[in-house]
PDB file of all heavy atoms in Angstrom:
ATOM      1  N   LEU A   1       0.858  -1.181   0.000  1.00  0.00           N
ATOM      2  CA  LEU A   1       0.000   0.000   0.000  1.00  0.00           C
ATOM      3  C   LEU A   1       0.899   1.237   0.000  1.00  0.00           C
ATOM      4  O   LEU A   1       1.659   1.455   0.937  1.00  0.00           O
ATOM      5  CB  LEU A   1      -0.907  -0.009   1.228  1.00  0.00           C
ATOM      6  CG  LEU A   1      -2.011   1.047   1.293  1.00  0.00           C
ATOM      7  CD1 LEU A   1      -3.143   0.566   2.204  1.00  0.00           C
ATOM      8  CD2 LEU A   1      -1.500   2.386   1.801  1.00  0.00           C
ATOM      9  N   LYS A   2       0.798   2.023  -1.067  1.00  0.00           N
ATOM     10  CA  LYS A   2       1.667   3.186  -1.229  1.00  0.00           C
ATOM     11  C   LYS A   2       0.898   4.461  -0.890  1.00  0.00           C
ATOM     12  O   LYS A   2      -0.280   4.606  -1.225  1.00  0.00           O
ATOM     13  CB  LYS A   2       2.188   3.254  -2.669  1.00  0.00           C
ATOM     14  CG  LYS A   2       3.038   2.046  -3.039  1.00  0.00           C
ATOM     15  CD  LYS A   2       3.565   2.137  -4.455  1.00  0.00           C
ATOM     16  CE  LYS A   2       4.458   0.936  -4.776  1.00  0.00           C
ATOM     17  NZ  LYS A   2       4.988   1.007  -6.158  1.00  0.00           N
ATOM     18  N   THR A   3       1.582   5.392  -0.234  1.00  0.00           N
ATOM     19  CA  THR A   3       0.981   6.671   0.110  1.00  0.00           C
ATOM     20  C   THR A   3       1.616   7.789  -0.711  1.00  0.00           C
ATOM     21  O   THR A   3       2.728   7.652  -1.230  1.00  0.00           O
ATOM     22  CB  THR A   3       1.169   6.987   1.606  1.00  0.00           C
ATOM     23  OG1 THR A   3       2.568   7.193   1.871  1.00  0.00           O
ATOM     24  CG2 THR A   3       0.659   5.837   2.467  1.00  0.00           C
ATOM     25  N   GLU A   4       0.883   8.895  -0.814  1.00  0.00           N
ATOM     26  CA  GLU A   4       1.409  10.067  -1.516  1.00  0.00           C
ATOM     27  C   GLU A   4       2.668  10.591  -0.843  1.00  0.00           C
ATOM     28  O   GLU A   4       3.530  11.208  -1.484  1.00  0.00           O
ATOM     29  CB  GLU A   4       0.346  11.181  -1.543  1.00  0.00           C
ATOM     30  CG  GLU A   4      -0.945  10.831  -2.268  1.00  0.00           C
ATOM     31  CD  GLU A   4      -0.798  10.861  -3.777  1.00  0.00           C
ATOM     32  OE1 GLU A   4       0.316  11.170  -4.250  1.00  0.00           O
ATOM     33  OE2 GLU A   4      -1.790  10.579  -4.475  1.00  0.00           O
ATOM     34  N   GLU A   5       2.798  10.323   0.463  1.00  0.00           N
ATOM     35  CA  GLU A   5       3.933  10.844   1.224  1.00  0.00           C
ATOM     36  C   GLU A   5       5.157   9.938   1.151  1.00  0.00           C
ATOM     37  O   GLU A   5       6.176  10.220   1.778  1.00  0.00           O
ATOM     38  CB  GLU A   5       3.521  11.042   2.692  1.00  0.00           C
ATOM     39  CG  GLU A   5       2.471  12.127   2.906  1.00  0.00           C
ATOM     40  CD  GLU A   5       1.066  11.718   2.467  1.00  0.00           C
ATOM     41  OE1 GLU A   5       0.805  10.503   2.353  1.00  0.00           O
ATOM     42  OE2 GLU A   5       0.234  12.613   2.252  1.00  0.00           O
ATOM     43  N   GLY A   6       5.063   8.822   0.410  1.00  0.00           N
ATOM     44  CA  GLY A   6       6.215   7.957   0.204  1.00  0.00           C
ATOM     45  C   GLY A   6       6.342   6.794   1.159  1.00  0.00           C
ATOM     46  O   GLY A   6       7.229   5.953   0.994  1.00  0.00           O
ATOM     47  N   ILE A   7       5.481   6.697   2.163  1.00  0.00           N
ATOM     48  CA  ILE A   7       5.518   5.576   3.099  1.00  0.00           C
ATOM     49  C   ILE A   7       4.754   4.404   2.502  1.00  0.00           C
ATOM     50  O   ILE A   7       3.674   4.572   1.934  1.00  0.00           O
ATOM     51  CB  ILE A   7       4.933   5.987   4.460  1.00  0.00           C
ATOM     52  CG1 ILE A   7       5.846   7.011   5.123  1.00  0.00           C
ATOM     53  CG2 ILE A   7       4.727   4.773   5.367  1.00  0.00           C
ATOM     54  CD1 ILE A   7       5.325   7.548   6.424  1.00  0.00           C
ATOM     55  N   VAL A   8       5.317   3.201   2.624  1.00  0.00           N
ATOM     56  CA  VAL A   8       4.712   1.993   2.070  1.00  0.00           C
ATOM     57  C   VAL A   8       4.371   1.038   3.210  1.00  0.00           C
ATOM     58  O   VAL A   8       5.212   0.750   4.060  1.00  0.00           O
ATOM     59  CB  VAL A   8       5.659   1.296   1.071  1.00  0.00           C
ATOM     60  CG1 VAL A   8       5.013   0.026   0.518  1.00  0.00           C
ATOM     61  CG2 VAL A   8       6.025   2.246  -0.065  1.00  0.00           C
ATOM     62  N   GLY A   9       3.138   0.551   3.213  1.00  0.00           N
ATOM     63  CA  GLY A   9       2.733  -0.478   4.163  1.00  0.00           C
ATOM     64  C   GLY A   9       2.598  -1.808   3.437  1.00  0.00           C
ATOM     65  O   GLY A   9       2.163  -1.846   2.285  1.00  0.00           O
ATOM     66  N   ARG A  10       2.991  -2.891   4.095  1.00  0.00           N
ATOM     67  CA  ARG A  10       2.967  -4.204   3.448  1.00  0.00           C
ATOM     68  C   ARG A  10       2.201  -5.215   4.286  1.00  0.00           C
ATOM     69  O   ARG A  10       2.302  -5.236   5.512  1.00  0.00           O
ATOM     70  CB  ARG A  10       4.394  -4.708   3.203  1.00  0.00           C
ATOM     71  CG  ARG A  10       5.187  -3.842   2.250  1.00  0.00           C
ATOM     72  CD  ARG A  10       6.575  -4.417   1.969  1.00  0.00           C
ATOM     73  NE  ARG A  10       7.292  -3.575   1.034  1.00  0.00           N
ATOM     74  CZ  ARG A  10       8.055  -2.546   1.384  1.00  0.00           C
ATOM     75  NH1 ARG A  10       8.199  -2.246   2.672  1.00  0.00           N
ATOM     76  NH2 ARG A  10       8.669  -1.816   0.476  1.00  0.00           N
ATOM     77  N   THR A  11       1.455  -6.056   3.602  1.00  0.00           N
ATOM     78  CA  THR A  11       0.772  -7.163   4.252  1.00  0.00           C
ATOM     79  C   THR A  11       0.534  -8.250   3.216  1.00  0.00           C
ATOM     80  O   THR A  11       0.937  -8.114   2.053  1.00  0.00           O
ATOM     81  CB  THR A  11      -0.552  -6.709   4.892  1.00  0.00           C
ATOM     82  OG1 THR A  11      -1.068  -7.772   5.710  1.00  0.00           O
ATOM     83  CG2 THR A  11      -1.585  -6.335   3.843  1.00  0.00           C
ATOM     84  N   TYR A  12      -0.098  -9.342   3.616  1.00  0.00           N
ATOM     85  CA  TYR A  12      -0.412 -10.412   2.670  1.00  0.00           C
ATOM     86  C   TYR A  12      -1.705 -11.081   3.077  1.00  0.00           C
ATOM     87  O   TYR A  12      -2.156 -10.984   4.215  1.00  0.00           O
ATOM     88  CB  TYR A  12       0.727 -11.440   2.599  1.00  0.00           C
ATOM     89  CG  TYR A  12       1.022 -12.172   3.895  1.00  0.00           C
ATOM     90  CD1 TYR A  12       0.325 -13.324   4.242  1.00  0.00           C
ATOM     91  CD2 TYR A  12       2.015 -11.719   4.770  1.00  0.00           C
ATOM     92  CE1 TYR A  12       0.593 -13.996   5.427  1.00  0.00           C
ATOM     93  CE2 TYR A  12       2.291 -12.382   5.947  1.00  0.00           C
ATOM     94  CZ  TYR A  12       1.584 -13.514   6.275  1.00  0.00           C
ATOM     95  OH  TYR A  12       1.841 -14.177   7.455  1.00  0.00           O
ATOM     96  N   LEU A  13      -2.326 -11.748   2.108  1.00  0.00           N
ATOM     97  CA  LEU A  13      -3.498 -12.585   2.335  1.00  0.00           C
ATOM     98  C   LEU A  13      -3.154 -14.019   1.990  1.00  0.00           C
ATOM     99  O   LEU A  13      -2.311 -14.280   1.126  1.00  0.00           O
ATOM    100  CB  LEU A  13      -4.676 -12.122   1.474  1.00  0.00           C
ATOM    101  CG  LEU A  13      -5.246 -10.734   1.747  1.00  0.00           C
ATOM    102  CD1 LEU A  13      -6.344 -10.414   0.742  1.00  0.00           C
ATOM    103  CD2 LEU A  13      -5.793 -10.641   3.163  1.00  0.00           C
ATOM    104  N   GLU A  14      -3.822 -14.959   2.653  1.00  0.00           N
ATOM    105  CA  GLU A  14      -3.644 -16.385   2.384  1.00  0.00           C
ATOM    106  C   GLU A  14      -5.020 -16.977   2.078  1.00  0.00           C
ATOM    107  O   GLU A  14      -5.712 -17.463   2.970  1.00  0.00           O
ATOM    108  CB  GLU A  14      -3.014 -17.076   3.594  1.00  0.00           C
ATOM    109  CG  GLU A  14      -1.635 -16.529   3.939  1.00  0.00           C
ATOM    110  CD  GLU A  14      -1.077 -17.101   5.227  1.00  0.00           C
ATOM    111  OE1 GLU A  14      -1.654 -16.827   6.305  1.00  0.00           O
ATOM    112  OE2 GLU A  14      -0.076 -17.824   5.169  1.00  0.00           O
ATOM    113  N   PRO A  15      -5.453 -16.969   0.817  1.00  0.00           N
ATOM    114  CA  PRO A  15      -6.837 -17.341   0.492  1.00  0.00           C
ATOM    115  C   PRO A  15      -7.069 -18.837   0.285  1.00  0.00           C
ATOM    116  O   PRO A  15      -8.082 -19.217  -0.312  1.00  0.00           O
ATOM    117  CB  PRO A  15      -7.097 -16.562  -0.795  1.00  0.00           C
ATOM    118  CG  PRO A  15      -5.765 -16.484  -1.453  1.00  0.00           C
ATOM    119  CD  PRO A  15      -4.757 -16.373  -0.340  1.00  0.00           C
ATOM    120  N   TYR A  16      -6.161 -19.684   0.752  1.00  0.00           N
ATOM    121  CA  TYR A  16      -6.346 -21.140   0.776  1.00  0.00           C
ATOM    122  C   TYR A  16      -6.292 -21.813  -0.597  1.00  0.00           C
ATOM    123  O   TYR A  16      -5.616 -22.829  -0.767  1.00  0.00           O
ATOM    124  CB  TYR A  16      -7.669 -21.535   1.453  1.00  0.00           C
ATOM    125  CG  TYR A  16      -7.801 -21.065   2.866  1.00  0.00           C
ATOM    126  CD1 TYR A  16      -8.490 -19.894   3.163  1.00  0.00           C
ATOM    127  CD2 TYR A  16      -7.233 -21.773   3.919  1.00  0.00           C
ATOM    128  CE1 TYR A  16      -8.607 -19.444   4.470  1.00  0.00           C
ATOM    129  CE2 TYR A  16      -7.347 -21.333   5.230  1.00  0.00           C
ATOM    130  CZ  TYR A  16      -8.036 -20.178   5.493  1.00  0.00           C
ATOM    131  OH  TYR A  16      -8.152 -19.731   6.770  1.00  0.00           O
ATOM    132  N   ILE A  17      -7.044 -21.312  -1.553  1.00  0.00           N
ATOM    133  CA  ILE A  17      -7.183 -21.956  -2.858  1.00  0.00           C
ATOM    134  C   ILE A  17      -6.496 -21.096  -3.912  1.00  0.00           C
ATOM    135  O   ILE A  17      -6.775 -19.900  -4.031  1.00  0.00           O
ATOM    136  CB  ILE A  17      -8.665 -22.150  -3.223  1.00  0.00           C
ATOM    137  CG1 ILE A  17      -9.352 -23.037  -2.169  1.00  0.00           C
ATOM    138  CG2 ILE A  17      -8.819 -22.767  -4.613  1.00  0.00           C
ATOM    139  CD1 ILE A  17     -10.859 -23.068  -2.300  1.00  0.00           C
ATOM    140  N   VAL A  18      -5.610 -21.706  -4.702  1.00  0.00           N
ATOM    141  CA  VAL A  18      -4.831 -20.955  -5.683  1.00  0.00           C
ATOM    142  C   VAL A  18      -5.729 -20.204  -6.651  1.00  0.00           C
ATOM    143  O   VAL A  18      -5.537 -19.006  -6.913  1.00  0.00           O
ATOM    144  CB  VAL A  18      -3.870 -21.900  -6.436  1.00  0.00           C
ATOM    145  CG1 VAL A  18      -3.205 -21.173  -7.606  1.00  0.00           C
ATOM    146  CG2 VAL A  18      -2.806 -22.455  -5.476  1.00  0.00           C
ATOM    147  N   LYS A  19      -6.740 -20.867  -7.177  1.00  0.00           N
ATOM    148  CA  LYS A  19      -7.588 -20.243  -8.201  1.00  0.00           C
ATOM    149  C   LYS A  19      -8.380 -19.056  -7.655  1.00  0.00           C
ATOM    150  O   LYS A  19      -8.815 -18.194  -8.410  1.00  0.00           O
ATOM    151  CB  LYS A  19      -8.550 -21.264  -8.801  1.00  0.00           C
ATOM    152  CG  LYS A  19      -7.874 -22.328  -9.660  1.00  0.00           C
ATOM    153  CD  LYS A  19      -7.234 -21.730 -10.915  1.00  0.00           C
ATOM    154  CE  LYS A  19      -8.256 -21.253 -11.907  1.00  0.00           C
ATOM    155  NZ  LYS A  19      -7.642 -20.711 -13.135  1.00  0.00           N
ATOM    156  N   SER A  20      -8.584 -19.013  -6.336  1.00  0.00           N
ATOM    157  CA  SER A  20      -9.332 -17.891  -5.775  1.00  0.00           C
ATOM    158  C   SER A  20      -8.615 -16.569  -5.994  1.00  0.00           C
ATOM    159  O   SER A  20      -9.241 -15.502  -5.990  1.00  0.00           O
ATOM    160  CB  SER A  20      -9.581 -18.104  -4.278  1.00  0.00           C
ATOM    161  OG  SER A  20      -8.371 -18.022  -3.544  1.00  0.00           O
ATOM    162  N   MET A  21      -7.313 -16.621  -6.222  1.00  0.00           N
ATOM    163  CA  MET A  21      -6.568 -15.386  -6.460  1.00  0.00           C
ATOM    164  C   MET A  21      -6.955 -14.740  -7.785  1.00  0.00           C
ATOM    165  O   MET A  21      -6.779 -13.533  -7.970  1.00  0.00           O
ATOM    166  CB  MET A  21      -5.062 -15.651  -6.400  1.00  0.00           C
ATOM    167  CG  MET A  21      -4.594 -16.140  -5.036  1.00  0.00           C
ATOM    168  SD  MET A  21      -2.811 -16.093  -4.761  1.00  0.00           S
ATOM    169  CE  MET A  21      -2.244 -17.340  -5.921  1.00  0.00           C
ATOM    170  N   ASP A  22      -7.498 -15.552  -8.716  1.00  0.00           N
ATOM    171  CA  ASP A  22      -7.967 -14.985  -9.989  1.00  0.00           C
ATOM    172  C   ASP A  22      -9.083 -13.968  -9.776  1.00  0.00           C
ATOM    173  O   ASP A  22      -9.283 -13.064 -10.599  1.00  0.00           O
ATOM    174  CB  ASP A  22      -8.470 -16.102 -10.908  1.00  0.00           C
ATOM    175  CG  ASP A  22      -7.347 -17.021 -11.367  1.00  0.00           C
ATOM    176  OD1 ASP A  22      -6.170 -16.614 -11.282  1.00  0.00           O
ATOM    177  OD2 ASP A  22      -7.645 -18.139 -11.803  1.00  0.00           O
ATOM    178  N   TYR A  23      -9.839 -14.114  -8.686  1.00  0.00           N
ATOM    179  CA  TYR A  23     -10.942 -13.205  -8.401  1.00  0.00           C
ATOM    180  C   TYR A  23     -10.546 -12.126  -7.397  1.00  0.00           C
ATOM    181  O   TYR A  23     -11.002 -10.982  -7.496  1.00  0.00           O
ATOM    182  CB  TYR A  23     -12.136 -13.995  -7.843  1.00  0.00           C
ATOM    183  CG  TYR A  23     -12.462 -15.224  -8.634  1.00  0.00           C
ATOM    184  CD1 TYR A  23     -12.092 -16.483  -8.171  1.00  0.00           C
ATOM    185  CD2 TYR A  23     -13.104 -15.143  -9.864  1.00  0.00           C
ATOM    186  CE1 TYR A  23     -12.368 -17.619  -8.908  1.00  0.00           C
ATOM    187  CE2 TYR A  23     -13.386 -16.284 -10.604  1.00  0.00           C
ATOM    188  CZ  TYR A  23     -13.015 -17.528 -10.125  1.00  0.00           C
ATOM    189  OH  TYR A  23     -13.280 -18.648 -10.854  1.00  0.00           O
ATOM    190  N   LEU A  24      -9.694 -12.494  -6.434  1.00  0.00           N
ATOM    191  CA  LEU A  24      -9.348 -11.555  -5.371  1.00  0.00           C
ATOM    192  C   LEU A  24      -8.379 -10.478  -5.830  1.00  0.00           C
ATOM    193  O   LEU A  24      -8.489  -9.320  -5.419  1.00  0.00           O
ATOM    194  CB  LEU A  24      -8.755 -12.322  -4.185  1.00  0.00           C
ATOM    195  CG  LEU A  24      -9.737 -13.223  -3.435  1.00  0.00           C
ATOM    196  CD1 LEU A  24      -9.001 -14.066  -2.403  1.00  0.00           C
ATOM    197  CD2 LEU A  24     -10.813 -12.388  -2.756  1.00  0.00           C
ATOM    198  N   VAL A  25      -7.408 -10.847  -6.665  1.00  0.00           N
ATOM    199  CA  VAL A  25      -6.418  -9.862  -7.109  1.00  0.00           C
ATOM    200  C   VAL A  25      -7.079  -8.710  -7.862  1.00  0.00           C
ATOM    201  O   VAL A  25      -6.834  -7.533  -7.556  1.00  0.00           O
ATOM    202  CB  VAL A  25      -5.309 -10.536  -7.934  1.00  0.00           C
ATOM    203  CG1 VAL A  25      -4.451  -9.499  -8.654  1.00  0.00           C
ATOM    204  CG2 VAL A  25      -4.426 -11.394  -7.029  1.00  0.00           C
ATOM    205  N   PRO A  26      -7.957  -8.972  -8.861  1.00  0.00           N
ATOM    206  CA  PRO A  26      -8.639  -7.845  -9.511  1.00  0.00           C
ATOM    207  C   PRO A  26      -9.491  -7.021  -8.542  1.00  0.00           C
ATOM    208  O   PRO A  26      -9.573  -5.791  -8.674  1.00  0.00           O
ATOM    209  CB  PRO A  26      -9.514  -8.526 -10.571  1.00  0.00           C
ATOM    210  CG  PRO A  26      -8.848  -9.828 -10.843  1.00  0.00           C
ATOM    211  CD  PRO A  26      -8.276 -10.247  -9.524  1.00  0.00           C
ATOM    212  N   ALA A  27     -10.130  -7.687  -7.584  1.00  0.00           N
ATOM    213  CA  ALA A  27     -10.953  -6.950  -6.617  1.00  0.00           C
ATOM    214  C   ALA A  27     -10.099  -6.013  -5.777  1.00  0.00           C
ATOM    215  O   ALA A  27     -10.489  -4.864  -5.500  1.00  0.00           O
ATOM    216  CB  ALA A  27     -11.699  -7.935  -5.713  1.00  0.00           C
ATOM    217  N   LEU A  28      -8.922  -6.481  -5.372  1.00  0.00           N
ATOM    218  CA  LEU A  28      -8.029  -5.631  -4.586  1.00  0.00           C
ATOM    219  C   LEU A  28      -7.539  -4.443  -5.402  1.00  0.00           C
ATOM    220  O   LEU A  28      -7.443  -3.318  -4.898  1.00  0.00           O
ATOM    221  CB  LEU A  28      -6.836  -6.456  -4.088  1.00  0.00           C
ATOM    222  CG  LEU A  28      -7.138  -7.420  -2.944  1.00  0.00           C
ATOM    223  CD1 LEU A  28      -6.024  -8.441  -2.790  1.00  0.00           C
ATOM    224  CD2 LEU A  28      -7.324  -6.650  -1.640  1.00  0.00           C
ATOM    225  N   ARG A  29      -7.252  -4.689  -6.679  1.00  0.00           N
ATOM    226  CA  ARG A  29      -6.805  -3.585  -7.531  1.00  0.00           C
ATOM    227  C   ARG A  29      -7.930  -2.575  -7.741  1.00  0.00           C
ATOM    228  O   ARG A  29      -7.695  -1.362  -7.749  1.00  0.00           O
ATOM    229  CB  ARG A  29      -6.313  -4.144  -8.866  1.00  0.00           C
ATOM    230  CG  ARG A  29      -4.978  -4.892  -8.719  1.00  0.00           C
ATOM    231  CD  ARG A  29      -4.551  -5.563  -9.995  1.00  0.00           C
ATOM    232  NE  ARG A  29      -3.248  -6.203  -9.834  1.00  0.00           N
ATOM    233  CZ  ARG A  29      -2.834  -7.264 -10.517  1.00  0.00           C
ATOM    234  NH1 ARG A  29      -3.617  -7.808 -11.429  1.00  0.00           N
ATOM    235  NH2 ARG A  29      -1.637  -7.772 -10.292  1.00  0.00           N
ATOM    236  N   ASP A  30      -9.158  -3.057  -7.887  1.00  0.00           N
ATOM    237  CA  ASP A  30     -10.299  -2.153  -8.021  1.00  0.00           C
ATOM    238  C   ASP A  30     -10.481  -1.313  -6.758  1.00  0.00           C
ATOM    239  O   ASP A  30     -10.768  -0.108  -6.833  1.00  0.00           O
ATOM    240  CB  ASP A  30     -11.577  -2.943  -8.298  1.00  0.00           C
ATOM    241  CG  ASP A  30     -11.631  -3.481  -9.723  1.00  0.00           C
ATOM    242  OD1 ASP A  30     -10.808  -3.037 -10.552  1.00  0.00           O
ATOM    243  OD2 ASP A  30     -12.476  -4.342  -9.991  1.00  0.00           O
ATOM    244  N   MET A  31     -10.335  -1.951  -5.589  1.00  0.00           N
ATOM    245  CA  MET A  31     -10.462  -1.200  -4.342  1.00  0.00           C
ATOM    246  C   MET A  31      -9.369  -0.150  -4.223  1.00  0.00           C
ATOM    247  O   MET A  31      -9.600   0.964  -3.737  1.00  0.00           O
ATOM    248  CB  MET A  31     -10.415  -2.153  -3.143  1.00  0.00           C
ATOM    249  CG  MET A  31     -11.700  -2.898  -2.898  1.00  0.00           C
ATOM    250  SD  MET A  31     -11.670  -3.782  -1.335  1.00  0.00           S
ATOM    251  CE  MET A  31     -13.315  -4.515  -1.367  1.00  0.00           C
ATOM    252  N   GLY A  32      -8.154  -0.513  -4.668  1.00  0.00           N
ATOM    253  CA  GLY A  32      -7.061   0.449  -4.640  1.00  0.00           C
ATOM    254  C   GLY A  32      -7.372   1.679  -5.469  1.00  0.00           C
ATOM    255  O   GLY A  32      -7.119   2.815  -5.053  1.00  0.00           O
ATOM    256  N   ALA A  33      -7.943   1.454  -6.647  1.00  0.00           N
ATOM    257  CA  ALA A  33      -8.316   2.588  -7.508  1.00  0.00           C
ATOM    258  C   ALA A  33      -9.419   3.420  -6.867  1.00  0.00           C
ATOM    259  O   ALA A  33      -9.416   4.657  -6.951  1.00  0.00           O
ATOM    260  CB  ALA A  33      -8.756   2.067  -8.868  1.00  0.00           C
ATOM    261  N   MET A  34     -10.365   2.754  -6.195  1.00  0.00           N
ATOM    262  CA  MET A  34     -11.469   3.453  -5.552  1.00  0.00           C
ATOM    263  C   MET A  34     -10.996   4.338  -4.405  1.00  0.00           C
ATOM    264  O   MET A  34     -11.560   5.413  -4.150  1.00  0.00           O
ATOM    265  CB  MET A  34     -12.475   2.429  -5.033  1.00  0.00           C
ATOM    266  CG  MET A  34     -13.646   3.010  -4.269  1.00  0.00           C
ATOM    267  SD  MET A  34     -14.707   1.707  -3.580  1.00  0.00           S
ATOM    268  CE  MET A  34     -13.611   0.976  -2.369  1.00  0.00           C
ATOM    269  N   LEU A  35      -9.948   3.900  -3.690  1.00  0.00           N
ATOM    270  CA  LEU A  35      -9.499   4.610  -2.487  1.00  0.00           C
ATOM    271  C   LEU A  35      -8.437   5.669  -2.776  1.00  0.00           C
ATOM    272  O   LEU A  35      -8.027   6.384  -1.864  1.00  0.00           O
ATOM    273  CB  LEU A  35      -8.943   3.599  -1.472  1.00  0.00           C
ATOM    274  CG  LEU A  35      -9.964   2.602  -0.918  1.00  0.00           C
ATOM    275  CD1 LEU A  35      -9.265   1.534  -0.093  1.00  0.00           C
ATOM    276  CD2 LEU A  35     -11.024   3.304  -0.084  1.00  0.00           C
ATOM    277  N   LYS A  36      -7.996   5.773  -4.014  1.00  0.00           N
ATOM    278  CA  LYS A  36      -6.940   6.732  -4.368  1.00  0.00           C
ATOM    279  C   LYS A  36      -7.335   8.148  -3.931  1.00  0.00           C
ATOM    280  O   LYS A  36      -8.451   8.612  -4.187  1.00  0.00           O
ATOM    281  CB  LYS A  36      -6.678   6.709  -5.869  1.00  0.00           C
ATOM    282  CG  LYS A  36      -5.528   7.626  -6.304  1.00  0.00           C
ATOM    283  CD  LYS A  36      -5.251   7.466  -7.790  1.00  0.00           C
ATOM    284  CE  LYS A  36      -4.186   8.453  -8.258  1.00  0.00           C
ATOM    285  NZ  LYS A  36      -2.889   8.241  -7.594  1.00  0.00           N
ATOM    286  N   GLY A  37      -6.394   8.808  -3.265  1.00  0.00           N
ATOM    287  CA  GLY A  37      -6.608  10.184  -2.831  1.00  0.00           C
ATOM    288  C   GLY A  37      -7.258  10.332  -1.474  1.00  0.00           C
ATOM    289  O   GLY A  37      -7.344  11.443  -0.942  1.00  0.00           O
ATOM    290  N   ARG A  38      -7.717   9.238  -0.869  1.00  0.00           N
ATOM    291  CA  ARG A  38      -8.360   9.323   0.448  1.00  0.00           C
ATOM    292  C   ARG A  38      -7.307   9.379   1.552  1.00  0.00           C
ATOM    293  O   ARG A  38      -6.240   8.787   1.443  1.00  0.00           O
ATOM    294  CB  ARG A  38      -9.265   8.111   0.688  1.00  0.00           C
ATOM    295  CG  ARG A  38     -10.535   8.116  -0.141  1.00  0.00           C
ATOM    296  CD  ARG A  38     -11.340   6.863   0.151  1.00  0.00           C
ATOM    297  NE  ARG A  38     -12.600   6.867  -0.562  1.00  0.00           N
ATOM    298  CZ  ARG A  38     -13.759   7.271  -0.030  1.00  0.00           C
ATOM    299  NH1 ARG A  38     -13.802   7.701   1.210  1.00  0.00           N
ATOM    300  NH2 ARG A  38     -14.865   7.254  -0.729  1.00  0.00           N
ATOM    301  N   LYS A  39      -7.644  10.053   2.630  1.00  0.00           N
ATOM    302  CA  LYS A  39      -6.793  10.046   3.805  1.00  0.00           C
ATOM    303  C   LYS A  39      -6.830   8.666   4.448  1.00  0.00           C
ATOM    304  O   LYS A  39      -7.857   7.986   4.437  1.00  0.00           O
ATOM    305  CB  LYS A  39      -7.250  11.106   4.820  1.00  0.00           C
ATOM    306  CG  LYS A  39      -7.051  12.541   4.341  1.00  0.00           C
ATOM    307  CD  LYS A  39      -5.562  12.836   4.116  1.00  0.00           C
ATOM    308  CE  LYS A  39      -5.347  14.275   3.665  1.00  0.00           C
ATOM    309  NZ  LYS A  39      -3.916  14.551   3.370  1.00  0.00           N
TER     310      LYS A  39
END
């Protein structure tokens, strides 16, 4: 997670099933775009 101020936060998810990442990764990217610019 990158901030405008240059600080980066890191974490991970463990979704159990490999194929589930096909759905979760796009959802996370969509959420990232939705939250851009928020405090």
